[in-house]
Amino acid sequence: MSFDVKMMQRCIQLAQLGLGTTYPNPMVGAVLVHEGKIISEGWHRKAGEPHAEVNALIGISDPEILQNSTLYVSLEPCAHYGKTPPCADLIIEKKIPHVVVGTTDPFSQVNGQGIEKMKQAGIQVEVGVLEKECRDLNRRFFWFHQYKRPYVILKWAQTADGFMAPRDSQQKWISNSYSQQLVHKWRTEEQAILVGTQTARVDNPQLINRSWEGNSPVRIVLDKELKLPANLNLLDQSHPTLVFTEIGKEGGENLKFIQVNFDENLAELILHKLYEENIQSVIIEGGKKTLELFIEKELWDEARIFTSALNWRDGLSSPKLRGELKETINVGSDRLDIYRR
C-alpha cells in the first residue's frame, strides 16, 4: 500500500465523522504531511463552519513547514464564496506546494475550478487517489448534484419466512432491540425519512431519533386525500414535516403540504419535489405499497433489509427487489442484508 493511499484512507476516516451533520455540504477530510509524518488533521463538521482544509491548516503557522508540506484532501477544495471563503485560495495563500485530491467535486460552482485555480498558482496537484472510495463516501452529495434527486435508501424488516406485517393491520415487532437502535442511528445520518399513509395510521410513528445522539431527519408522509387524523405524532409540528397530497392546504410551524398528482409518476414527482426542497437523502421505511412504488420504478439506490429468526406462517409478504448484495451483517439474532442497485 502506497503512502498516498494510506493518507487518503485517513482523510476518508476523518470525513466520516461528519456523516449527518454537514448537509447540504459534502463530508470532507484533510491531512497535512511534513517530512513523511502527519502534523495536522481536519474534517468538515457542520455547514457554515470551517471546511476540512481550514481545520487542518489553522494550527500550523510556520511558513517554512507549510511550504514544504503536502496536503491530502478527500474532495476537491472549493473555489467559490459560500458561507465560508474558498479553500483553494487559502491553500494558495499558505503556499502549500503539493496537494493530493481524492476526487473532483460535482457541484457546479466547483467542478474542477478549485483544482485549476491551484494549478495556475503553481501548485502540483494530483487527483484520483482512492477516487472510487472518495466518491462512495459522498454518494448522497454526488447523486443529488448529478442526477437531480435524493439518494434513496429502502428499509424494512421481515420474518424468516418472508412477511413484513400482519394481515390484520396490527403493530407487531419483527426485528430485535439492537436492530431498532441501529435504525435510529441511521436516522441521524440521513436528511429525511418517508412513510406511506397506512404506516402512519397503523403505527403512528414519530420518525425521530430517540435512541442515538444526533439530528432527527425531516419527516415525510404520503396522504393523498388528507385523511390522516390530525392528532398523529407525524403531524404534531415538533419537527420539520412534509406531507405529499393531492389537496392544497396551508401548512404551519414545521409542517408543509406539497400538492402532487398521485396518479402520474408519483415516485418521480416525490423525488423531484424533494430535490427542490434541497434534500440529498431519504430513507423509505414503508409500508409495502410505498416501498414497491419506488422499487417498480427502479428509483432506489440502496436497500437495508433485516431478517429475523421469527416465522409467522402468514402476513403481508415482503417486497421483492433485484440488486447487488454488498454486505451481510449479524445484528444480534437478526441478519442485515445491504443491497445496491
Protein backbone atom coordinates (compact mmCIF):
# COMPACT_ATOMS: atom_id res chain seq x y z
CA MET A 1 0.00 0.00 0.00
CA SER A 2 1.46 3.34 -1.06
CA PHE A 3 1.90 6.27 1.31
CA ASP A 4 -0.59 8.35 -0.70
CA VAL A 5 -3.25 5.64 -0.30
CA LYS A 6 -2.68 5.44 3.45
CA MET A 7 -3.06 9.20 3.78
CA MET A 8 -6.23 9.23 1.68
CA GLN A 9 -7.67 6.43 3.80
CA ARG A 10 -7.11 8.65 6.81
CA CYS A 11 -8.87 11.53 5.03
CA ILE A 12 -11.89 9.28 4.45
CA GLN A 13 -11.91 8.19 8.10
CA LEU A 14 -11.92 11.82 9.20
CA ALA A 15 -14.61 12.80 6.70
CA GLN A 16 -16.96 10.08 8.00
CA LEU A 17 -17.07 11.88 11.34
CA GLY A 18 -19.30 14.46 9.65
CA LEU A 19 -21.95 11.98 8.48
CA GLY A 20 -25.36 13.50 9.14
CA THR A 21 -24.11 16.94 10.22
CA THR A 22 -22.69 18.55 7.05
CA TYR A 23 -25.84 18.78 4.88
CA PRO A 24 -26.10 20.36 2.37
CA ASN A 25 -22.31 20.21 2.18
CA PRO A 26 -20.31 17.05 1.46
CA MET A 27 -18.20 15.21 4.01
CA VAL A 28 -14.51 16.06 3.64
CA GLY A 29 -11.35 15.04 5.47
CA ALA A 30 -7.88 16.60 5.16
CA VAL A 31 -4.40 15.63 6.34
CA LEU A 32 -1.25 17.78 6.28
CA VAL A 33 2.01 15.84 5.95
CA HIS A 34 5.54 17.16 6.56
CA GLU A 35 8.64 15.03 6.06
CA GLY A 36 6.58 11.85 5.87
CA LYS A 37 4.59 12.49 9.06
CA ILE A 38 1.06 13.75 9.71
CA ILE A 39 1.36 17.09 11.50
CA SER A 40 -2.27 18.21 11.36
CA GLU A 41 -5.74 16.88 10.51
CA GLY A 42 -9.20 18.29 9.96
CA TRP A 43 -12.69 17.49 8.77
CA HIS A 44 -15.81 19.44 7.93
CA ARG A 45 -18.07 19.29 10.95
CA LYS A 46 -21.13 21.32 10.01
CA ALA A 47 -22.45 23.52 7.21
CA GLY A 48 -21.42 27.11 7.79
CA GLU A 49 -18.40 26.10 9.87
CA PRO A 50 -14.78 25.87 8.61
CA HIS A 51 -14.07 23.31 5.93
CA ALA A 52 -11.69 20.37 6.36
CA GLU A 53 -8.74 22.18 4.76
CA VAL A 54 -9.14 25.16 7.09
CA ASN A 55 -9.26 22.91 10.16
CA ALA A 56 -6.14 21.08 9.01
CA LEU A 57 -4.15 24.25 8.32
CA ILE A 58 -5.32 26.52 11.12
CA GLY A 59 -2.90 25.19 13.74
CA ILE A 60 0.22 25.42 11.57
CA SER A 61 1.68 28.92 11.34
CA ASP A 62 5.34 28.28 10.41
CA PRO A 63 5.69 29.28 6.71
CA GLU A 64 8.74 27.07 6.25
CA ILE A 65 6.81 23.98 7.36
CA LEU A 66 3.78 24.86 5.21
CA GLN A 67 5.92 25.47 2.15
CA ASN A 68 7.49 22.03 2.49
CA SER A 69 4.34 20.02 3.17
CA THR A 70 1.74 18.01 1.23
CA LEU A 71 -1.98 18.44 1.81
CA TYR A 72 -4.21 15.41 1.26
CA VAL A 73 -7.94 16.06 0.90
CA SER A 74 -10.74 13.62 0.04
CA LEU A 75 -12.68 16.10 -2.14
CA GLU A 76 -11.60 18.93 -4.41
CA PRO A 77 -11.11 22.19 -2.45
CA CYS A 78 -13.86 24.71 -3.16
CA ALA A 79 -13.20 27.71 -5.39
CA HIS A 80 -16.25 29.86 -4.60
CA TYR A 81 -17.54 32.07 -1.80
CA GLY A 82 -20.38 30.50 0.14
CA LYS A 83 -20.80 30.71 3.89
CA THR A 84 -17.00 30.42 4.05
CA PRO A 85 -14.18 31.69 1.76
CA PRO A 86 -12.70 29.43 -0.97
CA CYS A 87 -10.37 26.75 0.38
CA ALA A 88 -8.35 26.82 -2.86
CA ASP A 89 -7.46 30.46 -2.08
CA LEU A 90 -6.33 29.54 1.43
CA ILE A 91 -4.07 26.76 0.09
CA ILE A 92 -2.54 29.19 -2.40
CA GLU A 93 -2.10 31.81 0.33
CA LYS A 94 -0.31 29.29 2.57
CA LYS A 95 1.93 28.34 -0.39
CA ILE A 96 1.35 24.61 0.02
CA PRO A 97 3.44 23.18 -2.87
CA HIS A 98 1.73 19.79 -3.28
CA VAL A 99 -1.94 18.81 -2.97
CA VAL A 100 -3.35 15.29 -3.41
CA VAL A 101 -7.12 15.16 -4.09
CA GLY A 102 -9.31 12.08 -3.83
CA THR A 103 -11.95 13.16 -6.35
CA THR A 104 -13.35 16.21 -8.08
CA ASP A 105 -16.45 18.00 -6.76
CA PRO A 106 -19.58 17.75 -8.99
CA PHE A 107 -21.11 20.93 -7.53
CA SER A 108 -21.43 23.40 -10.41
CA GLN A 109 -19.62 26.18 -8.55
CA VAL A 110 -16.58 23.94 -8.04
CA ASN A 111 -16.39 21.07 -10.58
CA GLY A 112 -12.69 21.33 -11.42
CA GLN A 113 -12.33 25.04 -10.75
CA GLY A 114 -10.57 24.53 -7.42
CA ILE A 115 -8.03 22.20 -9.00
CA GLU A 116 -7.47 24.58 -11.92
CA LYS A 117 -7.02 27.57 -9.63
CA MET A 118 -4.36 25.76 -7.60
CA LYS A 119 -2.53 24.59 -10.72
CA GLN A 120 -2.49 28.11 -12.13
CA ALA A 121 -0.85 29.23 -8.88
CA GLY A 122 1.99 26.76 -9.46
CA ILE A 123 0.81 24.05 -7.03
CA GLN A 124 1.45 20.44 -8.00
CA VAL A 125 -2.00 18.80 -7.87
CA GLU A 126 -2.66 15.07 -8.12
CA VAL A 127 -6.23 13.81 -8.50
CA GLY A 128 -7.74 10.33 -8.20
CA VAL A 129 -6.16 8.62 -5.19
CA LEU A 130 -8.86 6.23 -3.90
CA GLU A 131 -11.28 8.03 -6.19
CA LYS A 132 -13.94 5.30 -6.06
CA GLU A 133 -13.88 5.25 -2.25
CA CYS A 134 -14.00 9.04 -2.03
CA ARG A 135 -16.98 9.18 -4.38
CA ASP A 136 -18.78 6.46 -2.45
CA LEU A 137 -18.20 8.38 0.77
CA ASN A 138 -20.24 11.27 -0.64
CA ARG A 139 -22.64 9.25 -2.77
CA ARG A 140 -25.59 11.24 -1.39
CA PHE A 141 -23.99 14.54 -2.39
CA PHE A 142 -22.93 13.20 -5.81
CA TRP A 143 -26.38 11.70 -6.57
CA PHE A 144 -28.08 14.95 -5.66
CA HIS A 145 -25.93 17.13 -7.92
CA GLN A 146 -25.51 14.71 -10.82
CA TYR A 147 -28.99 13.15 -11.02
CA LYS A 148 -31.04 15.99 -9.52
CA ARG A 149 -32.72 13.79 -6.93
CA PRO A 150 -32.04 12.47 -3.41
CA TYR A 151 -30.13 9.27 -2.71
CA VAL A 152 -32.89 6.73 -1.90
CA ILE A 153 -32.49 4.08 0.81
CA LEU A 154 -35.18 1.44 1.26
CA LYS A 155 -35.52 -0.17 4.69
CA TRP A 156 -37.72 -2.89 6.07
CA ALA A 157 -37.76 -5.85 8.45
CA GLN A 158 -39.08 -9.28 7.54
CA THR A 159 -39.58 -12.63 9.17
CA ALA A 160 -37.52 -15.67 8.22
CA ASP A 161 -40.46 -16.86 6.09
CA GLY A 162 -40.73 -13.53 4.26
CA PHE A 163 -43.51 -11.50 5.93
CA MET A 164 -43.19 -7.82 6.86
CA ALA A 165 -46.52 -7.11 8.60
CA PRO A 166 -49.60 -8.90 9.94
CA ARG A 167 -52.68 -9.01 7.70
CA ASP A 168 -54.88 -7.55 10.45
CA SER A 169 -53.04 -4.19 10.41
CA GLN A 170 -51.87 -4.61 13.97
CA GLN A 171 -48.45 -3.32 15.02
CA LYS A 172 -46.06 -6.17 15.67
CA TRP A 173 -42.27 -6.02 16.11
CA ILE A 174 -40.09 -8.19 13.90
CA SER A 175 -36.52 -7.02 14.49
CA ASN A 176 -34.71 -7.09 17.84
CA SER A 177 -33.76 -4.13 20.05
CA TYR A 178 -30.23 -3.91 18.59
CA SER A 179 -31.61 -3.56 15.08
CA GLN A 180 -34.11 -0.96 16.28
CA GLN A 181 -31.30 1.08 17.80
CA LEU A 182 -29.29 0.82 14.58
CA VAL A 183 -32.26 2.23 12.67
CA HIS A 184 -32.24 5.25 14.96
CA LYS A 185 -28.54 5.71 14.26
CA TRP A 186 -29.34 5.71 10.55
CA ARG A 187 -31.91 8.44 11.12
CA THR A 188 -29.14 10.73 12.35
CA GLU A 189 -27.19 10.08 9.15
CA GLU A 190 -29.84 10.81 6.51
CA GLN A 191 -31.63 14.01 5.73
CA ALA A 192 -35.20 12.71 5.50
CA ILE A 193 -37.42 9.71 6.23
CA LEU A 194 -40.63 8.77 4.38
CA VAL A 195 -43.64 6.55 5.11
CA GLY A 196 -46.96 5.91 3.43
CA THR A 197 -50.47 6.60 4.67
CA GLN A 198 -51.15 3.15 6.08
CA THR A 199 -47.90 3.02 8.07
CA ALA A 200 -48.61 6.46 9.51
CA ARG A 201 -52.14 5.47 10.51
CA VAL A 202 -51.44 1.99 11.95
CA ASP A 203 -48.03 2.51 13.56
CA ASN A 204 -48.40 6.22 14.45
CA PRO A 205 -44.59 6.61 14.30
CA GLN A 206 -42.69 9.67 15.46
CA LEU A 207 -39.90 9.11 12.91
CA ILE A 208 -37.41 11.00 15.06
CA ASN A 209 -34.15 9.90 16.60
CA ARG A 210 -34.69 8.72 20.16
CA SER A 211 -32.07 6.00 20.67
CA TRP A 212 -28.95 7.65 19.27
CA GLU A 213 -27.31 11.03 19.65
CA GLY A 214 -27.67 13.29 16.62
CA ASN A 215 -30.09 15.14 14.39
CA SER A 216 -33.56 13.87 13.54
CA PRO A 217 -34.47 13.71 9.83
CA VAL A 218 -37.13 15.68 8.02
CA ARG A 219 -40.31 13.61 8.29
CA ILE A 220 -42.29 12.86 5.12
CA VAL A 221 -45.70 11.20 4.82
CA LEU A 222 -47.95 10.44 1.84
CA ASP A 223 -51.59 11.38 2.41
CA LYS A 224 -53.42 11.63 -0.92
CA GLU A 225 -56.78 12.77 0.44
CA LEU A 226 -55.64 14.27 3.75
CA LYS A 227 -57.48 11.61 5.73
CA LEU A 228 -54.84 11.04 8.39
CA PRO A 229 -56.00 12.06 11.89
CA ALA A 230 -54.67 15.43 12.97
CA ASN A 231 -53.52 14.00 16.32
CA LEU A 232 -50.93 11.66 14.79
CA ASN A 233 -47.35 12.05 16.00
CA LEU A 234 -46.20 12.93 12.48
CA LEU A 235 -48.46 15.97 12.39
CA ASP A 236 -47.55 17.39 15.82
CA GLN A 237 -45.29 20.08 14.26
CA SER A 238 -42.50 19.27 16.71
CA HIS A 239 -40.08 18.55 13.83
CA PRO A 240 -39.93 19.64 10.17
CA THR A 241 -42.51 17.55 8.28
CA LEU A 242 -43.61 17.37 4.64
CA VAL A 243 -47.00 15.97 3.60
CA PHE A 244 -47.49 14.92 -0.03
CA THR A 245 -51.14 15.25 -1.01
CA GLU A 246 -53.48 15.99 -3.91
CA ILE A 247 -55.35 18.57 -1.84
CA GLY A 248 -53.97 22.09 -1.41
CA LYS A 249 -53.67 23.16 2.20
CA GLU A 250 -51.83 25.80 4.20
CA GLY A 251 -49.16 24.44 6.49
CA GLY A 252 -47.99 25.55 9.89
CA GLU A 253 -44.90 25.67 12.02
CA ASN A 254 -42.66 22.81 10.86
CA LEU A 255 -45.48 21.47 8.64
CA LYS A 256 -45.61 21.87 4.85
CA PHE A 257 -48.14 20.41 2.41
CA ILE A 258 -46.86 19.66 -1.09
CA GLN A 259 -49.50 19.15 -3.75
CA VAL A 260 -48.77 16.46 -6.41
CA ASN A 261 -50.74 14.21 -8.75
CA PHE A 262 -50.83 10.73 -7.21
CA ASP A 263 -51.88 9.10 -10.49
CA GLU A 264 -48.93 10.07 -12.69
CA ASN A 265 -45.33 9.10 -11.97
CA LEU A 266 -45.74 9.61 -8.24
CA ALA A 267 -42.28 8.32 -7.28
CA GLU A 268 -40.59 10.65 -9.78
CA LEU A 269 -42.69 13.60 -8.63
CA ILE A 270 -41.83 12.98 -4.98
CA LEU A 271 -38.09 12.84 -5.68
CA HIS A 272 -38.29 15.95 -7.87
CA LYS A 273 -40.05 17.86 -5.10
CA LEU A 274 -37.51 16.64 -2.53
CA TYR A 275 -34.73 17.89 -4.80
CA GLU A 276 -36.44 21.28 -4.82
CA GLU A 277 -36.53 21.10 -1.01
CA ASN A 278 -32.72 20.58 -1.10
CA ILE A 279 -32.97 17.10 0.46
CA GLN A 280 -29.99 14.94 -0.52
CA SER A 281 -31.00 11.61 1.01
CA VAL A 282 -34.17 9.86 2.14
CA ILE A 283 -34.89 6.59 3.94
CA ILE A 284 -38.16 4.98 2.84
CA GLU A 285 -39.47 2.89 5.74
CA GLY A 286 -42.74 1.67 4.31
CA GLY A 287 -45.22 0.31 4.13
CA LYS A 288 -45.20 -2.30 1.43
CA LYS A 289 -47.16 -0.26 -1.14
CA THR A 290 -44.86 2.74 -0.73
CA LEU A 291 -41.70 0.64 -0.95
CA GLU A 292 -42.96 -1.09 -4.08
CA LEU A 293 -43.78 2.28 -5.64
CA PHE A 294 -40.06 3.08 -5.75
CA ILE A 295 -38.92 -0.49 -6.49
CA GLU A 296 -41.17 -0.78 -9.56
CA LYS A 297 -39.81 2.49 -10.97
CA GLU A 298 -36.23 1.45 -10.09
CA LEU A 299 -35.90 4.68 -8.14
CA TRP A 300 -33.82 3.35 -5.27
CA ASP A 301 -30.09 3.21 -4.68
CA GLU A 302 -29.62 1.16 -1.53
CA ALA A 303 -31.76 -1.32 0.41
CA ARG A 304 -31.26 -2.37 4.03
CA ILE A 305 -33.27 -5.46 4.93
CA PHE A 306 -33.44 -7.01 8.39
CA THR A 307 -34.43 -10.69 8.55
CA SER A 308 -35.37 -12.05 11.96
CA ALA A 309 -35.49 -15.67 13.15
CA LEU A 310 -39.30 -15.46 13.54
CA ASN A 311 -41.70 -17.48 11.41
CA TRP A 312 -45.22 -16.11 11.14
CA ARG A 313 -46.61 -18.51 8.52
CA ASP A 314 -48.91 -15.75 7.28
CA GLY A 315 -49.00 -11.99 6.79
CA LEU A 316 -48.13 -9.35 4.17
CA SER A 317 -45.25 -10.65 2.09
CA SER A 318 -42.12 -8.51 1.83
CA PRO A 319 -41.26 -6.58 -1.36
CA LYS A 320 -39.00 -8.23 -3.91
CA LEU A 321 -36.10 -6.41 -5.46
CA ARG A 322 -33.15 -7.08 -7.69
CA GLY A 323 -29.84 -5.62 -6.67
CA GLU A 324 -26.26 -6.44 -5.78
CA LEU A 325 -25.77 -7.79 -2.26
CA LYS A 326 -22.92 -5.66 -0.89
CA GLU A 327 -22.77 -6.75 2.72
CA THR A 328 -24.35 -9.07 5.28
CA ILE A 329 -24.12 -8.23 8.99
CA ASN A 330 -25.36 -10.13 12.03
CA VAL A 331 -27.20 -7.79 14.40
CA GLY A 332 -27.87 -9.96 17.42
CA SER A 333 -30.33 -12.59 16.26
CA ASP A 334 -31.20 -10.60 13.11
CA ARG A 335 -29.45 -10.65 9.74
CA LEU A 336 -28.95 -7.37 7.91
CA ASP A 337 -28.51 -7.52 4.14
CA ILE A 338 -27.42 -4.36 2.31
CA TYR A 339 -28.06 -4.12 -1.41
CA ARG A 340 -27.08 -1.55 -4.02
CA ARG A 341 -28.93 -1.13 -7.29
